[in-house]
Amino acid sequence: MWGLSKINHEFKLWGYYILKQIPGRIGCYIRYVLIVKNKRGYCRIWEGVQIDSISNLFLGNNVSINRGCIINCAGVVEIGDDSMLGPNVLVYSQSHKFRDKSLKINQQGYVVKKVKIGKNCWIGAGAIILPGVTIEDNSVIAAGSVVVKNVNANTLIINKRNRFDFDLFNS
């Protein structure tokens, strides 16, 4: 049977779904004001962005989260000032446990780990950031990259496998 808390949760989901669909800068502003609780300045959250466990999302000033991004904040996600997420970026701070062969995967629960994206970072379209990753300041993650390890400051990550470390501002 449905209790009051489940009904309340359903109404919140419906409200969030409607807010996700409002286009343009007006939609960005409405989402920022009504949805984001942990903010330190203005941010743009474009239409179609899905944020799970939004109370664990911490946004710096002048952050832009582009269309179609999915951000799972079960394990906390921090995004620093002036950082940008391109379209369809996936940020996961939660993953399924799967190591116990005596149990089905869907019975093993979750692992949650904080994800931190530093200041002035650009995460390209379709990139995937996995749980526990820290991307330090001034880094660029190229489109389509999968980030499974920490990324040092001033680093460019390209094509999932190749890593190039250089000062992005003095090259």
Protein backbone atom coordinates (compact mmCIF):
# COMPACT_ATOMS: atom_id res chain seq x y z
CA MET A 1 0.00 0.00 0.00
CA TRP A 2 1.13 3.54 -0.68
CA GLY A 3 1.97 5.63 2.35
CA LEU A 4 1.97 9.39 2.53
CA SER A 5 5.75 9.59 2.06
CA LYS A 6 5.59 7.61 -1.20
CA ILE A 7 2.82 9.86 -2.53
CA ASN A 8 4.82 12.96 -1.56
CA HIS A 9 7.87 11.52 -3.36
CA GLU A 10 5.77 10.87 -6.48
CA PHE A 11 4.57 14.51 -6.52
CA LYS A 12 8.18 15.72 -6.22
CA LEU A 13 9.19 13.52 -9.17
CA TRP A 14 6.34 14.89 -11.28
CA GLY A 15 7.27 18.47 -10.36
CA TYR A 16 10.93 17.89 -11.17
CA TYR A 17 10.00 16.28 -14.50
CA ILE A 18 7.98 19.35 -15.47
CA LEU A 19 10.79 21.70 -14.39
CA LYS A 20 13.29 19.70 -16.50
CA GLN A 21 11.33 20.49 -19.66
CA ILE A 22 11.22 24.32 -19.47
CA PRO A 23 13.53 25.56 -22.28
CA GLY A 24 16.03 28.40 -22.51
CA ARG A 25 17.57 30.76 -19.99
CA ILE A 26 14.27 31.20 -18.17
CA GLY A 27 14.20 27.43 -17.58
CA CYS A 28 17.83 27.54 -16.41
CA TYR A 29 16.97 30.23 -13.90
CA ILE A 30 13.82 28.48 -12.62
CA ARG A 31 15.70 25.18 -12.17
CA TYR A 32 18.55 26.95 -10.40
CA VAL A 33 16.25 28.77 -7.97
CA LEU A 34 13.81 25.94 -7.25
CA ILE A 35 15.99 22.83 -7.41
CA VAL A 36 19.59 23.57 -6.39
CA LYS A 37 19.96 23.95 -2.63
CA ASN A 38 23.76 23.92 -2.26
CA LYS A 39 24.83 26.85 -4.42
CA ARG A 40 27.49 29.52 -4.14
CA GLY A 41 26.53 31.67 -7.14
CA TYR A 42 24.53 31.53 -10.34
CA CYS A 43 24.56 28.39 -12.50
CA ARG A 44 22.90 27.28 -15.71
CA ILE A 45 21.12 23.93 -15.69
CA TRP A 46 19.77 23.44 -19.20
CA GLU A 47 16.62 21.50 -20.04
CA GLY A 48 16.59 17.71 -19.92
CA VAL A 49 19.16 17.41 -17.11
CA GLN A 50 18.48 14.53 -14.69
CA ILE A 51 19.85 14.95 -11.16
CA ASP A 52 19.34 12.15 -8.63
CA SER A 53 19.80 12.82 -4.88
CA ILE A 54 20.01 16.54 -5.61
CA SER A 55 20.62 17.46 -1.95
CA ASN A 56 24.13 15.97 -2.40
CA LEU A 57 24.98 18.24 -5.36
CA PHE A 58 27.26 21.20 -4.57
CA LEU A 59 27.71 23.76 -7.36
CA GLY A 60 30.23 26.58 -7.53
CA ASN A 61 29.65 29.93 -9.23
CA ASN A 62 29.09 30.13 -12.99
CA VAL A 63 28.71 26.37 -13.55
CA SER A 64 26.96 25.22 -16.74
CA ILE A 65 25.32 21.80 -17.02
CA ASN A 66 24.25 21.20 -20.61
CA ARG A 67 21.26 19.35 -22.04
CA GLY A 68 20.82 15.64 -21.44
CA CYS A 69 23.32 15.29 -18.59
CA ILE A 70 22.65 12.70 -15.89
CA ILE A 71 24.20 13.35 -12.49
CA ASN A 72 23.82 10.76 -9.75
CA CYS A 73 24.68 12.40 -6.43
CA ALA A 74 24.10 9.53 -4.00
CA GLY A 75 27.75 9.74 -2.95
CA VAL A 76 28.05 13.57 -3.27
CA VAL A 77 29.05 15.48 -6.40
CA GLU A 78 30.95 18.79 -6.22
CA ILE A 79 31.46 20.96 -9.29
CA GLY A 80 33.77 23.96 -8.92
CA ASP A 81 33.47 27.54 -10.16
CA ASP A 82 33.41 28.19 -13.92
CA SER A 83 33.23 24.50 -14.87
CA MET A 84 31.16 23.28 -17.82
CA LEU A 85 29.55 19.93 -18.55
CA GLY A 86 28.80 19.39 -22.23
CA PRO A 87 25.67 17.67 -23.50
CA ASN A 88 24.93 14.10 -22.39
CA VAL A 89 27.69 13.92 -19.78
CA LEU A 90 27.15 11.19 -17.18
CA VAL A 91 28.45 11.66 -13.63
CA TYR A 92 27.98 8.72 -11.28
CA SER A 93 28.80 8.74 -7.57
CA GLN A 94 27.07 5.39 -7.06
CA SER A 95 27.61 1.94 -8.51
CA HIS A 96 26.20 -1.53 -7.94
CA LYS A 97 28.08 -4.00 -5.77
CA PHE A 98 28.68 -7.24 -7.65
CA ARG A 99 31.49 -9.27 -6.05
CA ASP A 100 29.40 -11.74 -4.00
CA LYS A 101 28.70 -14.61 -6.42
CA SER A 102 26.19 -16.14 -4.02
CA LEU A 103 23.83 -13.16 -4.46
CA LYS A 104 22.14 -11.63 -7.45
CA ILE A 105 23.62 -8.25 -8.36
CA ASN A 106 20.35 -6.47 -7.63
CA GLN A 107 20.47 -7.82 -4.05
CA GLN A 108 23.99 -6.60 -3.22
CA GLY A 109 23.32 -2.90 -2.73
CA TYR A 110 25.45 0.02 -3.80
CA VAL A 111 28.87 1.56 -3.36
CA VAL A 112 28.80 5.35 -3.08
CA LYS A 113 31.88 7.54 -3.55
CA LYS A 114 32.27 11.28 -3.87
CA VAL A 115 32.98 12.82 -7.28
CA LYS A 116 34.75 16.18 -7.38
CA ILE A 117 35.20 18.32 -10.47
CA GLY A 118 37.50 21.27 -9.80
CA LYS A 119 37.38 24.88 -10.94
CA ASN A 120 37.51 25.88 -14.61
CA CYS A 121 37.09 22.35 -15.97
CA TRP A 122 35.43 21.40 -19.24
CA ILE A 123 33.82 17.97 -19.51
CA GLY A 124 33.14 17.28 -23.21
CA ALA A 125 29.97 15.83 -24.71
CA GLY A 126 29.17 12.25 -23.79
CA ALA A 127 31.99 11.88 -21.26
CA ILE A 128 31.42 9.51 -18.33
CA ILE A 129 32.80 10.23 -14.85
CA LEU A 130 32.72 7.21 -12.52
CA PRO A 131 32.43 7.07 -8.68
CA GLY A 132 35.36 8.21 -6.58
CA VAL A 133 37.01 10.34 -9.28
CA THR A 134 38.53 13.75 -8.59
CA ILE A 135 39.22 16.00 -11.57
CA GLU A 136 41.50 18.81 -10.47
CA ASP A 137 41.35 22.45 -11.61
CA ASN A 138 41.81 23.59 -15.23
CA SER A 139 41.40 20.12 -16.74
CA VAL A 140 39.66 19.14 -19.96
CA ILE A 141 37.96 15.79 -20.51
CA ALA A 142 37.47 15.24 -24.25
CA ALA A 143 34.13 14.16 -25.68
CA GLY A 144 33.37 10.48 -25.23
CA SER A 145 36.06 9.86 -22.63
CA VAL A 146 35.48 7.54 -19.68
CA VAL A 147 37.22 8.73 -16.51
CA VAL A 148 37.94 5.96 -13.98
CA LYS A 149 40.95 7.51 -12.18
CA ASN A 150 41.78 10.87 -10.65
CA VAL A 151 42.90 13.59 -13.06
CA ASN A 152 45.68 16.02 -12.13
CA ALA A 153 45.33 19.78 -12.59
CA ASN A 154 45.97 21.16 -16.10
CA THR A 155 45.43 17.76 -17.74
CA LEU A 156 43.76 16.87 -21.01
CA ILE A 157 42.11 13.43 -21.24
CA ILE A 158 41.44 12.21 -24.80
CA ASN A 159 39.85 9.12 -26.38
CA LYS A 160 39.33 7.01 -23.25
CA ARG A 161 42.86 5.53 -23.24
CA ASN A 162 45.35 8.28 -24.03
CA ARG A 163 46.39 10.69 -21.32
CA PHE A 164 48.34 13.85 -22.03
CA ASP A 165 49.66 15.97 -19.18
CA PHE A 166 50.57 19.52 -20.07
CA ASP A 167 49.83 23.03 -18.96
CA LEU A 168 46.74 23.96 -20.94
CA PHE A 169 47.34 27.67 -20.45
CA ASN A 170 51.01 27.91 -21.42
CA SER A 171 51.19 25.61 -24.45
